[in-house]
Structure formats: structure tokens, C-alpha cells
Amino acid sequence: MNSHAKHPANQKRQQGRLKVAVNGHYRFHNEEEWMPCSLIDISVTGIALNGKKSFYVGDKIEIRFYLEKRTILVDLEITNLIGKKAGGKVIRIDDADRKAIQEMLNRELLTDKVR
């Protein structure tokens, strides 16, 4: 049995990830002010975004955005940086929000495979 393939870090790209252009807002934990951001890719386990302030690996932020008539709220830990873009792993999300993202991903990724 290949335990390497079963490790979550090795499976992260096997899950659905979708490039998007979704406007949202974010704030650093323990701050009240929401700042605008743009989500550039999304999955149920991670999000990449552009923001107004610099991010650092390990930062914890809240992100809120509107997706298919629903406001989604996600806690994210920044894990990588690419210029002014940051990517992170989801550390908290409501089950209903996770389901809404997964359903959207399933529809969009299925549509891409059909084209």
C-alpha cells in the first residue's frame, strides 16, 4: 500500500479547485475593519486571494463573499505568498457554506469537463 499517496498534502490538488473572479472582504483576526479583496481560486479546503495589505505566512484572516445568493464566511490561514497574492487553507467554515461551495465546484468542474 502506498501511504505517500494517501497523505493529505499529496491529495490537495486532486480535489476540485476552480479559478474565479469573486469580490469579497477580509479582515485579520482581532481586527474590526473589513477590507476589499478579490478571490482568484477556491476549493472547500483552500482559497487564493488578492488583498490591499501585505500577508505573511501564518496570518489568520476571515473572508466573506457572496456566492450564488448566499454570504459565505471562512477562516483562512495563509500558507503561501505569490507577490501580492496569498493562498491559504480553510481552518473554519460552516457545514452549509462548505456544501454550497462544493455544489458550485461540482457544477462548474463538470461543465468544464463536458466542453
PDB file of N, CA and C in Angstrom:
ATOM      1  N   MET A   1       0.847  -1.192   0.000  1.00  0.00           N
ATOM      2  CA  MET A   1       0.000   0.000   0.000  1.00  0.00           C
ATOM      3  C   MET A   1       0.882   1.241   0.000  1.00  0.00           C
ATOM      4  N   ASN A   2       0.535   2.209  -0.811  1.00  0.00           N
ATOM      5  CA  ASN A   2       1.318   3.425  -0.931  1.00  0.00           C
ATOM      6  C   ASN A   2       0.756   4.483   0.015  1.00  0.00           C
ATOM      7  N   SER A   3       1.340   4.625   1.200  1.00  0.00           N
ATOM      8  CA  SER A   3       0.845   5.597   2.175  1.00  0.00           C
ATOM      9  C   SER A   3       1.154   7.026   1.728  1.00  0.00           C
ATOM     10  N   HIS A   4       2.157   7.206   0.884  1.00  0.00           N
ATOM     11  CA  HIS A   4       2.505   8.537   0.398  1.00  0.00           C
ATOM     12  C   HIS A   4       1.326   9.169  -0.359  1.00  0.00           C
ATOM     13  N   ALA A   5       0.652   8.387  -1.181  1.00  0.00           N
ATOM     14  CA  ALA A   5      -0.470   8.909  -1.961  1.00  0.00           C
ATOM     15  C   ALA A   5      -1.660   9.257  -1.079  1.00  0.00           C
ATOM     16  N   LYS A   6      -1.768   8.640   0.086  1.00  0.00           N
ATOM     17  CA  LYS A   6      -2.897   8.887   0.973  1.00  0.00           C
ATOM     18  C   LYS A   6      -2.694  10.123   1.847  1.00  0.00           C
ATOM     19  N   HIS A   7      -1.495  10.639   1.923  1.00  0.00           N
ATOM     20  CA  HIS A   7      -1.211  11.796   2.768  1.00  0.00           C
ATOM     21  C   HIS A   7      -1.975  13.005   2.243  1.00  0.00           C
ATOM     22  N   PRO A   8      -2.682  13.762   3.128  1.00  0.00           N
ATOM     23  CA  PRO A   8      -3.490  14.901   2.679  1.00  0.00           C
ATOM     24  C   PRO A   8      -2.732  15.925   1.838  1.00  0.00           C
ATOM     25  N   ALA A   9      -1.477  16.186   2.155  1.00  0.00           N
ATOM     26  CA  ALA A   9      -0.703  17.164   1.384  1.00  0.00           C
ATOM     27  C   ALA A   9      -0.529  16.716  -0.058  1.00  0.00           C
ATOM     28  N   ASN A  10      -0.488  15.409  -0.282  1.00  0.00           N
ATOM     29  CA  ASN A  10      -0.329  14.883  -1.628  1.00  0.00           C
ATOM     30  C   ASN A  10      -1.656  14.819  -2.376  1.00  0.00           C
ATOM     31  N   GLN A  11      -2.762  14.974  -1.665  1.00  0.00           N
ATOM     32  CA  GLN A  11      -4.072  14.891  -2.290  1.00  0.00           C
ATOM     33  C   GLN A  11      -4.686  16.249  -2.546  1.00  0.00           C
ATOM     34  N   LYS A  12      -4.106  17.332  -2.041  1.00  0.00           N
ATOM     35  CA  LYS A  12      -4.786  18.626  -2.072  1.00  0.00           C
ATOM     36  C   LYS A  12      -5.149  19.073  -3.484  1.00  0.00           C
ATOM     37  N   ARG A  13      -4.348  18.801  -4.469  1.00  0.00           N
ATOM     38  CA  ARG A  13      -4.659  19.233  -5.832  1.00  0.00           C
ATOM     39  C   ARG A  13      -5.589  18.253  -6.547  1.00  0.00           C
ATOM     40  N   GLN A  14      -5.834  17.097  -5.943  1.00  0.00           N
ATOM     41  CA  GLN A  14      -6.751  16.147  -6.550  1.00  0.00           C
ATOM     42  C   GLN A  14      -8.194  16.561  -6.319  1.00  0.00           C
ATOM     43  N   GLN A  15      -8.441  17.373  -5.304  1.00  0.00           N
ATOM     44  CA  GLN A  15      -9.782  17.857  -5.042  1.00  0.00           C
ATOM     45  C   GLN A  15     -10.085  18.999  -6.002  1.00  0.00           C
ATOM     46  N   GLY A  16     -11.382  19.277  -6.197  1.00  0.00           N
ATOM     47  CA  GLY A  16     -11.778  20.329  -7.125  1.00  0.00           C
ATOM     48  C   GLY A  16     -11.307  21.701  -6.697  1.00  0.00           C
ATOM     49  N   ARG A  17     -10.713  22.413  -7.615  1.00  0.00           N
ATOM     50  CA  ARG A  17     -10.271  23.795  -7.389  1.00  0.00           C
ATOM     51  C   ARG A  17     -10.658  24.568  -8.628  1.00  0.00           C
ATOM     52  N   LEU A  18     -11.239  25.743  -8.419  1.00  0.00           N
ATOM     53  CA  LEU A  18     -11.780  26.492  -9.537  1.00  0.00           C
ATOM     54  C   LEU A  18     -11.231  27.907  -9.546  1.00  0.00           C
ATOM     55  N   LYS A  19     -10.729  28.345 -10.719  1.00  0.00           N
ATOM     56  CA  LYS A  19     -10.314  29.739 -10.863  1.00  0.00           C
ATOM     57  C   LYS A  19     -11.574  30.592 -10.915  1.00  0.00           C
ATOM     58  N   VAL A  20     -11.585  31.672 -10.144  1.00  0.00           N
ATOM     59  CA  VAL A  20     -12.757  32.541 -10.064  1.00  0.00           C
ATOM     60  C   VAL A  20     -12.313  34.000 -10.085  1.00  0.00           C
ATOM     61  N   ALA A  21     -13.266  34.883 -10.216  1.00  0.00           N
ATOM     62  CA  ALA A  21     -13.045  36.319 -10.041  1.00  0.00           C
ATOM     63  C   ALA A  21     -14.223  36.802  -9.198  1.00  0.00           C
ATOM     64  N   VAL A  22     -14.090  36.608  -7.894  1.00  0.00           N
ATOM     65  CA  VAL A  22     -15.173  36.916  -6.959  1.00  0.00           C
ATOM     66  C   VAL A  22     -14.701  38.011  -6.010  1.00  0.00           C
ATOM     67  N   ASN A  23     -15.475  39.071  -5.911  1.00  0.00           N
ATOM     68  CA  ASN A  23     -15.153  40.133  -4.962  1.00  0.00           C
ATOM     69  C   ASN A  23     -15.612  39.725  -3.575  1.00  0.00           C
ATOM     70  N   GLY A  24     -14.833  40.112  -2.591  1.00  0.00           N
ATOM     71  CA  GLY A  24     -15.189  39.809  -1.217  1.00  0.00           C
ATOM     72  C   GLY A  24     -14.533  40.809  -0.285  1.00  0.00           C
ATOM     73  N   HIS A  25     -14.549  40.478   0.984  1.00  0.00           N
ATOM     74  CA  HIS A  25     -13.908  41.294   2.014  1.00  0.00           C
ATOM     75  C   HIS A  25     -13.151  40.372   2.954  1.00  0.00           C
ATOM     76  N   TYR A  26     -12.115  40.918   3.565  1.00  0.00           N
ATOM     77  CA  TYR A  26     -11.357  40.140   4.544  1.00  0.00           C
ATOM     78  C   TYR A  26     -10.950  41.053   5.687  1.00  0.00           C
ATOM     79  N   ARG A  27     -10.648  40.417   6.789  1.00  0.00           N
ATOM     80  CA  ARG A  27     -10.068  41.139   7.924  1.00  0.00           C
ATOM     81  C   ARG A  27      -9.180  40.172   8.678  1.00  0.00           C
ATOM     82  N   PHE A  28      -8.133  40.732   9.258  1.00  0.00           N
ATOM     83  CA  PHE A  28      -7.247  39.943  10.091  1.00  0.00           C
ATOM     84  C   PHE A  28      -7.970  39.637  11.398  1.00  0.00           C
ATOM     85  N   HIS A  29      -7.720  38.459  11.956  1.00  0.00           N
ATOM     86  CA  HIS A  29      -8.337  38.121  13.238  1.00  0.00           C
ATOM     87  C   HIS A  29      -7.990  39.208  14.251  1.00  0.00           C
ATOM     88  N   ASN A  30      -8.900  39.511  15.113  1.00  0.00           N
ATOM     89  CA  ASN A  30      -8.771  40.547  16.148  1.00  0.00           C
ATOM     90  C   ASN A  30      -8.835  41.957  15.586  1.00  0.00           C
ATOM     91  N   GLU A  31      -9.222  42.132  14.325  1.00  0.00           N
ATOM     92  CA  GLU A  31      -9.445  43.461  13.764  1.00  0.00           C
ATOM     93  C   GLU A  31     -10.908  43.578  13.374  1.00  0.00           C
ATOM     94  N   GLU A  32     -11.424  44.803  13.421  1.00  0.00           N
ATOM     95  CA  GLU A  32     -12.833  45.013  13.100  1.00  0.00           C
ATOM     96  C   GLU A  32     -13.062  45.433  11.654  1.00  0.00           C
ATOM     97  N   GLU A  33     -12.087  46.109  11.056  1.00  0.00           N
ATOM     98  CA  GLU A  33     -12.277  46.676   9.725  1.00  0.00           C
ATOM     99  C   GLU A  33     -12.170  45.610   8.631  1.00  0.00           C
ATOM    100  N   TRP A  34     -13.207  45.555   7.790  1.00  0.00           N
ATOM    101  CA  TRP A  34     -13.199  44.682   6.616  1.00  0.00           C
ATOM    102  C   TRP A  34     -12.583  45.446   5.450  1.00  0.00           C
ATOM    103  N   MET A  35     -11.723  44.797   4.676  1.00  0.00           N
ATOM    104  CA  MET A  35     -11.081  45.406   3.511  1.00  0.00           C
ATOM    105  C   MET A  35     -11.458  44.613   2.259  1.00  0.00           C
ATOM    106  N   PRO A  36     -11.537  45.283   1.110  1.00  0.00           N
ATOM    107  CA  PRO A  36     -11.907  44.569  -0.116  1.00  0.00           C
ATOM    108  C   PRO A  36     -10.805  43.618  -0.573  1.00  0.00           C
ATOM    109  N   CYS A  37     -11.245  42.530  -1.197  1.00  0.00           N
ATOM    110  CA  CYS A  37     -10.299  41.577  -1.783  1.00  0.00           C
ATOM    111  C   CYS A  37     -10.947  40.960  -3.012  1.00  0.00           C
ATOM    112  N   SER A  38     -10.143  40.239  -3.743  1.00  0.00           N
ATOM    113  CA  SER A  38     -10.623  39.514  -4.907  1.00  0.00           C
ATOM    114  C   SER A  38     -10.163  38.065  -4.775  1.00  0.00           C
ATOM    115  N   LEU A  39     -11.108  37.143  -4.766  1.00  0.00           N
ATOM    116  CA  LEU A  39     -10.768  35.721  -4.715  1.00  0.00           C
ATOM    117  C   LEU A  39     -10.382  35.289  -6.123  1.00  0.00           C
ATOM    118  N   ILE A  40      -9.263  34.558  -6.238  1.00  0.00           N
ATOM    119  CA  ILE A  40      -8.812  34.141  -7.563  1.00  0.00           C
ATOM    120  C   ILE A  40      -8.898  32.640  -7.784  1.00  0.00           C
ATOM    121  N   ASP A  41      -8.960  31.879  -6.701  1.00  0.00           N
ATOM    122  CA  ASP A  41      -9.331  30.477  -6.835  1.00  0.00           C
ATOM    123  C   ASP A  41      -9.901  29.981  -5.521  1.00  0.00           C
ATOM    124  N   ILE A  42     -10.704  28.929  -5.638  1.00  0.00           N
ATOM    125  CA  ILE A  42     -11.445  28.478  -4.467  1.00  0.00           C
ATOM    126  C   ILE A  42     -11.643  26.967  -4.512  1.00  0.00           C
ATOM    127  N   SER A  43     -11.598  26.366  -3.350  1.00  0.00           N
ATOM    128  CA  SER A  43     -11.990  24.976  -3.149  1.00  0.00           C
ATOM    129  C   SER A  43     -12.580  24.904  -1.750  1.00  0.00           C
ATOM    130  N   VAL A  44     -13.038  23.734  -1.337  1.00  0.00           N
ATOM    131  CA  VAL A  44     -13.574  23.627   0.020  1.00  0.00           C
ATOM    132  C   VAL A  44     -12.465  23.598   1.061  1.00  0.00           C
ATOM    133  N   THR A  45     -11.217  23.397   0.632  1.00  0.00           N
ATOM    134  CA  THR A  45     -10.103  23.335   1.581  1.00  0.00           C
ATOM    135  C   THR A  45      -9.141  24.508   1.494  1.00  0.00           C
ATOM    136  N   GLY A  46      -9.296  25.376   0.480  1.00  0.00           N
ATOM    137  CA  GLY A  46      -8.370  26.489   0.342  1.00  0.00           C
ATOM    138  C   GLY A  46      -8.891  27.576  -0.566  1.00  0.00           C
ATOM    139  N   ILE A  47      -8.305  28.761  -0.404  1.00  0.00           N
ATOM    140  CA  ILE A  47      -8.684  29.927  -1.200  1.00  0.00           C
ATOM    141  C   ILE A  47      -7.412  30.721  -1.511  1.00  0.00           C
ATOM    142  N   ALA A  48      -7.351  31.281  -2.711  1.00  0.00           N
ATOM    143  CA  ALA A  48      -6.289  32.223  -3.063  1.00  0.00           C
ATOM    144  C   ALA A  48      -6.950  33.571  -3.325  1.00  0.00           C
ATOM    145  N   LEU A  49      -6.276  34.643  -2.884  1.00  0.00           N
ATOM    146  CA  LEU A  49      -6.875  35.968  -3.000  1.00  0.00           C
ATOM    147  C   LEU A  49      -5.832  37.050  -3.173  1.00  0.00           C
ATOM    148  N   ASN A  50      -6.306  38.197  -3.643  1.00  0.00           N
ATOM    149  CA  ASN A  50      -5.544  39.442  -3.682  1.00  0.00           C
ATOM    150  C   ASN A  50      -6.159  40.360  -2.645  1.00  0.00           C
ATOM    151  N   GLY A  51      -5.318  41.015  -1.847  1.00  0.00           N
ATOM    152  CA  GLY A  51      -5.827  41.942  -0.848  1.00  0.00           C
ATOM    153  C   GLY A  51      -5.087  43.261  -0.894  1.00  0.00           C
ATOM    154  N   LYS A  52      -5.526  44.203  -0.079  1.00  0.00           N
ATOM    155  CA  LYS A  52      -4.930  45.541  -0.053  1.00  0.00           C
ATOM    156  C   LYS A  52      -3.677  45.605   0.817  1.00  0.00           C
ATOM    157  N   LYS A  53      -3.631  44.809   1.867  1.00  0.00           N
ATOM    158  CA  LYS A  53      -2.478  44.814   2.771  1.00  0.00           C
ATOM    159  C   LYS A  53      -1.611  43.591   2.520  1.00  0.00           C
ATOM    160  N   SER A  54      -0.383  43.660   2.958  1.00  0.00           N
ATOM    161  CA  SER A  54       0.519  42.518   2.817  1.00  0.00           C
ATOM    162  C   SER A  54       0.104  41.381   3.739  1.00  0.00           C
ATOM    163  N   PHE A  55       0.259  40.189   3.245  1.00  0.00           N
ATOM    164  CA  PHE A  55       0.004  38.992   4.038  1.00  0.00           C
ATOM    165  C   PHE A  55       1.339  38.356   4.380  1.00  0.00           C
ATOM    166  N   TYR A  56       1.353  37.600   5.445  1.00  0.00           N
ATOM    167  CA  TYR A  56       2.521  36.818   5.838  1.00  0.00           C
ATOM    168  C   TYR A  56       2.075  35.401   6.122  1.00  0.00           C
ATOM    169  N   VAL A  57       2.937  34.438   5.833  1.00  0.00           N
ATOM    170  CA  VAL A  57       2.618  33.045   6.139  1.00  0.00           C
ATOM    171  C   VAL A  57       2.297  32.939   7.616  1.00  0.00           C
ATOM    172  N   GLY A  58       1.205  32.291   7.923  1.00  0.00           N
ATOM    173  CA  GLY A  58       0.767  32.131   9.307  1.00  0.00           C
ATOM    174  C   GLY A  58      -0.326  33.102   9.716  1.00  0.00           C
ATOM    175  N   ASP A  59      -0.542  34.185   8.922  1.00  0.00           N
ATOM    176  CA  ASP A  59      -1.639  35.103   9.221  1.00  0.00           C
ATOM    177  C   ASP A  59      -2.956  34.343   9.215  1.00  0.00           C
ATOM    178  N   LYS A  60      -3.837  34.726  10.118  1.00  0.00           N
ATOM    179  CA  LYS A  60      -5.184  34.158  10.132  1.00  0.00           C
ATOM    180  C   LYS A  60      -6.152  35.282   9.805  1.00  0.00           C
ATOM    181  N   ILE A  61      -6.978  35.036   8.789  1.00  0.00           N
ATOM    182  CA  ILE A  61      -7.925  36.045   8.341  1.00  0.00           C
ATOM    183  C   ILE A  61      -9.318  35.444   8.209  1.00  0.00           C
ATOM    184  N   GLU A  62     -10.305  36.327   8.244  1.00  0.00           N
ATOM    185  CA  GLU A  62     -11.673  35.953   7.925  1.00  0.00           C
ATOM    186  C   GLU A  62     -11.964  36.506   6.538  1.00  0.00           C
ATOM    187  N   ILE A  63     -12.658  35.734   5.736  1.00  0.00           N
ATOM    188  CA  ILE A  63     -13.058  36.173   4.403  1.00  0.00           C
ATOM    189  C   ILE A  63     -14.566  36.001   4.303  1.00  0.00           C
ATOM    190  N   ARG A  64     -15.223  37.004   3.741  1.00  0.00           N
ATOM    191  CA  ARG A  64     -16.649  36.852   3.438  1.00  0.00           C
ATOM    192  C   ARG A  64     -16.861  37.240   1.986  1.00  0.00           C
ATOM    193  N   PHE A  65     -17.701  36.479   1.316  1.00  0.00           N
ATOM    194  CA  PHE A  65     -18.002  36.743  -0.085  1.00  0.00           C
ATOM    195  C   PHE A  65     -19.383  36.203  -0.405  1.00  0.00           C
ATOM    196  N   TYR A  66     -19.916  36.658  -1.497  1.00  0.00           N
ATOM    197  CA  TYR A  66     -21.255  36.298  -1.919  1.00  0.00           C
ATOM    198  C   TYR A  66     -21.147  35.250  -3.010  1.00  0.00           C
ATOM    199  N   LEU A  67     -21.838  34.136  -2.830  1.00  0.00           N
ATOM    200  CA  LEU A  67     -21.773  33.044  -3.798  1.00  0.00           C
ATOM    201  C   LEU A  67     -23.178  32.490  -3.992  1.00  0.00           C
ATOM    202  N   GLU A  68     -23.685  32.650  -5.189  1.00  0.00           N
ATOM    203  CA  GLU A  68     -24.990  32.091  -5.530  1.00  0.00           C
ATOM    204  C   GLU A  68     -26.056  32.401  -4.472  1.00  0.00           C
ATOM    205  N   LYS A  69     -26.292  33.683  -4.255  1.00  0.00           N
ATOM    206  CA  LYS A  69     -27.343  34.176  -3.350  1.00  0.00           C
ATOM    207  C   LYS A  69     -27.100  33.850  -1.885  1.00  0.00           C
ATOM    208  N   ARG A  70     -25.836  33.651  -1.519  1.00  0.00           N
ATOM    209  CA  ARG A  70     -25.504  33.270  -0.147  1.00  0.00           C
ATOM    210  C   ARG A  70     -24.203  33.949   0.267  1.00  0.00           C
ATOM    211  N   THR A  71     -24.174  34.482   1.480  1.00  0.00           N
ATOM    212  CA  THR A  71     -22.934  35.042   2.014  1.00  0.00           C
ATOM    213  C   THR A  71     -22.152  33.912   2.684  1.00  0.00           C
ATOM    214  N   ILE A  72     -20.922  33.721   2.251  1.00  0.00           N
ATOM    215  CA  ILE A  72     -20.047  32.665   2.773  1.00  0.00           C
ATOM    216  C   ILE A  72     -19.029  33.329   3.691  1.00  0.00           C
ATOM    217  N   LEU A  73     -18.783  32.727   4.837  1.00  0.00           N
ATOM    218  CA  LEU A  73     -17.787  33.222   5.792  1.00  0.00           C
ATOM    219  C   LEU A  73     -16.794  32.094   6.078  1.00  0.00           C
ATOM    220  N   VAL A  74     -15.514  32.394   5.890  1.00  0.00           N
ATOM    221  CA  VAL A  74     -14.458  31.388   6.011  1.00  0.00           C
ATOM    222  C   VAL A  74     -13.311  31.954   6.841  1.00  0.00           C
ATOM    223  N   ASP A  75     -12.746  31.146   7.728  1.00  0.00           N
ATOM    224  CA  ASP A  75     -11.488  31.487   8.390  1.00  0.00           C
ATOM    225  C   ASP A  75     -10.379  30.792   7.611  1.00  0.00           C
ATOM    226  N   LEU A  76      -9.330  31.541   7.326  1.00  0.00           N
ATOM    227  CA  LEU A  76      -8.249  31.047   6.486  1.00  0.00           C
ATOM    228  C   LEU A  76      -6.916  31.301   7.160  1.00  0.00           C
ATOM    229  N   GLU A  77      -6.002  30.348   7.044  1.00  0.00           N
ATOM    230  CA  GLU A  77      -4.620  30.554   7.475  1.00  0.00           C
ATOM    231  C   GLU A  77      -3.755  30.651   6.233  1.00  0.00           C
ATOM    232  N   ILE A  78      -3.020  31.761   6.100  1.00  0.00           N
ATOM    233  CA  ILE A  78      -2.173  31.981   4.930  1.00  0.00           C
ATOM    234  C   ILE A  78      -1.011  30.974   4.960  1.00  0.00           C
ATOM    235  N   THR A  79      -0.845  30.252   3.846  1.00  0.00           N
ATOM    236  CA  THR A  79       0.197  29.233   3.766  1.00  0.00           C
ATOM    237  C   THR A  79       1.221  29.515   2.680  1.00  0.00           C
ATOM    238  N   ASN A  80       0.873  30.374   1.697  1.00  0.00           N
ATOM    239  CA  ASN A  80       1.864  30.699   0.670  1.00  0.00           C
ATOM    240  C   ASN A  80       1.591  32.077   0.094  1.00  0.00           C
ATOM    241  N   LEU A  81       2.643  32.679  -0.435  1.00  0.00           N
ATOM    242  CA  LEU A  81       2.576  34.032  -0.976  1.00  0.00           C
ATOM    243  C   LEU A  81       3.165  34.046  -2.376  1.00  0.00           C
ATOM    244  N   ILE A  82       2.490  34.783  -3.260  1.00  0.00           N
ATOM    245  CA  ILE A  82       2.982  34.962  -4.622  1.00  0.00           C
ATOM    246  C   ILE A  82       2.764  36.432  -4.960  1.00  0.00           C
ATOM    247  N   GLY A  83       3.769  37.258  -4.777  1.00  0.00           N
ATOM    248  CA  GLY A  83       3.609  38.694  -4.973  1.00  0.00           C
ATOM    249  C   GLY A  83       2.588  39.232  -3.987  1.00  0.00           C
ATOM    250  N   LYS A  84       1.567  39.928  -4.496  1.00  0.00           N
ATOM    251  CA  LYS A  84       0.518  40.449  -3.621  1.00  0.00           C
ATOM    252  C   LYS A  84      -0.614  39.444  -3.441  1.00  0.00           C
ATOM    253  N   LYS A  85      -0.459  38.289  -4.040  1.00  0.00           N
ATOM    254  CA  LYS A  85      -1.465  37.241  -3.899  1.00  0.00           C
ATOM    255  C   LYS A  85      -1.086  36.351  -2.728  1.00  0.00           C
ATOM    256  N   ALA A  86      -2.111  35.799  -2.080  1.00  0.00           N
ATOM    257  CA  ALA A  86      -1.875  34.875  -0.974  1.00  0.00           C
ATOM    258  C   ALA A  86      -2.803  33.688  -1.123  1.00  0.00           C
ATOM    259  N   GLY A  87      -2.314  32.552  -0.708  1.00  0.00           N
ATOM    260  CA  GLY A  87      -3.130  31.345  -0.690  1.00  0.00           C
ATOM    261  C   GLY A  87      -3.161  30.804   0.717  1.00  0.00           C
ATOM    262  N   GLY A  88      -4.242  30.159   1.052  1.00  0.00           N
ATOM    263  CA  GLY A  88      -4.326  29.629   2.403  1.00  0.00           C
ATOM    264  C   GLY A  88      -5.245  28.448   2.504  1.00  0.00           C
ATOM    265  N   LYS A  89      -5.176  27.825   3.674  1.00  0.00           N
ATOM    266  CA  LYS A  89      -6.037  26.669   3.928  1.00  0.00           C
ATOM    267  C   LYS A  89      -7.192  27.096   4.820  1.00  0.00           C
ATOM    268  N   VAL A  90      -8.346  26.528   4.523  1.00  0.00           N
ATOM    269  CA  VAL A  90      -9.539  26.800   5.305  1.00  0.00           C
ATOM    270  C   VAL A  90      -9.364  26.148   6.678  1.00  0.00           C
ATOM    271  N   ILE A  91      -9.507  26.951   7.739  1.00  0.00           N
ATOM    272  CA  ILE A  91      -9.394  26.394   9.094  1.00  0.00           C
ATOM    273  C   ILE A  91     -10.744  26.376   9.814  1.00  0.00           C
ATOM    274  N   ARG A  92     -11.726  27.114   9.265  1.00  0.00           N
ATOM    275  CA  ARG A  92     -13.076  27.048   9.828  1.00  0.00           C
ATOM    276  C   ARG A  92     -14.070  27.489   8.766  1.00  0.00           C
ATOM    277  N   ILE A  93     -15.128  26.670   8.622  1.00  0.00           N
ATOM    278  CA  ILE A  93     -16.205  27.005   7.700  1.00  0.00           C
ATOM    279  C   ILE A  93     -17.458  26.286   8.181  1.00  0.00           C
ATOM    280  N   ASP A  94     -18.567  26.947   8.089  1.00  0.00           N
ATOM    281  CA  ASP A  94     -19.849  26.352   8.430  1.00  0.00           C
ATOM    282  C   ASP A  94     -20.154  25.216   7.446  1.00  0.00           C
ATOM    283  N   ASP A  95     -20.766  24.145   7.927  1.00  0.00           N
ATOM    284  CA  ASP A  95     -21.070  23.000   7.062  1.00  0.00           C
ATOM    285  C   ASP A  95     -21.938  23.391   5.863  1.00  0.00           C
ATOM    286  N   ALA A  96     -22.903  24.273   6.085  1.00  0.00           N
ATOM    287  CA  ALA A  96     -23.776  24.709   4.990  1.00  0.00           C
ATOM    288  C   ALA A  96     -22.984  25.508   3.955  1.00  0.00           C
ATOM    289  N   ASP A  97     -22.024  26.327   4.398  1.00  0.00           N
ATOM    290  CA  ASP A  97     -21.180  27.082   3.468  1.00  0.00           C
ATOM    291  C   ASP A  97     -20.274  26.139   2.682  1.00  0.00           C
ATOM    292  N   ARG A  98     -19.718  25.132   3.369  1.00  0.00           N
ATOM    293  CA  ARG A  98     -18.862  24.149   2.697  1.00  0.00           C
ATOM    294  C   ARG A  98     -19.660  23.425   1.615  1.00  0.00           C
ATOM    295  N   LYS A  99     -20.891  23.053   1.944  1.00  0.00           N
ATOM    296  CA  LYS A  99     -21.749  22.350   0.993  1.00  0.00           C
ATOM    297  C   LYS A  99     -22.058  23.231  -0.216  1.00  0.00           C
ATOM    298  N   ALA A 100     -22.337  24.522   0.023  1.00  0.00           N
ATOM    299  CA  ALA A 100     -22.626  25.446  -1.075  1.00  0.00           C
ATOM    300  C   ALA A 100     -21.428  25.575  -2.014  1.00  0.00           C
ATOM    301  N   ILE A 101     -20.222  25.672  -1.456  1.00  0.00           N
ATOM    302  CA  ILE A 101     -19.010  25.756  -2.286  1.00  0.00           C
ATOM    303  C   ILE A 101     -18.827  24.464  -3.072  1.00  0.00           C
ATOM    304  N   GLN A 102     -18.991  23.319  -2.412  1.00  0.00           N
ATOM    305  CA  GLN A 102     -18.801  22.035  -3.085  1.00  0.00           C
ATOM    306  C   GLN A 102     -19.799  21.853  -4.222  1.00  0.00           C
ATOM    307  N   GLU A 103     -21.052  22.237  -4.000  1.00  0.00           N
ATOM    308  CA  GLU A 103     -22.062  22.110  -5.056  1.00  0.00           C
ATOM    309  C   GLU A 103     -21.716  22.996  -6.252  1.00  0.00           C
ATOM    310  N   MET A 104     -21.243  24.221  -5.993  1.00  0.00           N
ATOM    311  CA  MET A 104     -20.842  25.114  -7.070  1.00  0.00           C
ATOM    312  C   MET A 104     -19.642  24.531  -7.828  1.00  0.00           C
ATOM    313  N   LEU A 105     -18.670  24.004  -7.086  1.00  0.00           N
ATOM    314  CA  LEU A 105     -17.496  23.392  -7.727  1.00  0.00           C
ATOM    315  C   LEU A 105     -17.908  22.208  -8.591  1.00  0.00           C
ATOM    316  N   ASN A 106     -18.771  21.353  -8.060  1.00  0.00           N
ATOM    317  CA  ASN A 106     -19.222  20.186  -8.816  1.00  0.00           C
ATOM    318  C   ASN A 106     -19.863  20.601 -10.131  1.00  0.00           C
ATOM    319  N   ARG A 107     -20.733  21.614 -10.088  1.00  0.00           N
ATOM    320  CA  ARG A 107     -21.389  22.087 -11.314  1.00  0.00           C
ATOM    321  C   ARG A 107     -20.379  22.666 -12.290  1.00  0.00           C
ATOM    322  N   GLU A 108     -19.515  23.548 -11.804  1.00  0.00           N
ATOM    323  CA  GLU A 108     -18.571  24.242 -12.690  1.00  0.00           C
ATOM    324  C   GLU A 108     -17.519  23.295 -13.263  1.00  0.00           C
ATOM    325  N   LEU A 109     -16.997  22.404 -12.439  1.00  0.00           N
ATOM    326  CA  LEU A 109     -15.960  21.494 -12.929  1.00  0.00           C
ATOM    327  C   LEU A 109     -16.546  20.460 -13.882  1.00  0.00           C
ATOM    328  N   LEU A 110     -17.774  20.040 -13.628  1.00  0.00           N
ATOM    329  CA  LEU A 110     -18.443  19.111 -14.550  1.00  0.00           C
ATOM    330  C   LEU A 110     -18.687  19.785 -15.888  1.00  0.00           C
ATOM    331  N   THR A 111     -19.111  21.048 -15.873  1.00  0.00           N
ATOM    332  CA  THR A 111     -19.354  21.816 -17.086  1.00  0.00           C
ATOM    333  C   THR A 111     -18.057  21.947 -17.890  1.00  0.00           C
ATOM    334  N   ASP A 112     -16.925  22.218 -17.199  1.00  0.00           N
ATOM    335  CA  ASP A 112     -15.635  22.339 -17.884  1.00  0.00           C
ATOM    336  C   ASP A 112     -15.238  21.024 -18.552  1.00  0.00           C
ATOM    337  N   LYS A 113     -15.528  19.891 -17.926  1.00  0.00           N
ATOM    338  CA  LYS A 113     -15.147  18.602 -18.496  1.00  0.00           C
ATOM    339  C   LYS A 113     -16.002  18.265 -19.711  1.00  0.00           C
ATOM    340  N   VAL A 114     -17.241  18.785 -19.743  1.00  0.00           N
ATOM    341  CA  VAL A 114     -18.138  18.494 -20.844  1.00  0.00           C
ATOM    342  C   VAL A 114     -17.764  19.286 -22.093  1.00  0.00           C
ATOM    343  N   ARG A 115     -17.228  20.481 -21.906  1.00  0.00           N
ATOM    344  CA  ARG A 115     -16.885  21.345 -23.049  1.00  0.00           C
ATOM    345  C   ARG A 115     -15.798  20.785 -23.893  1.00  0.00           C
TER     346      ARG A 115
END
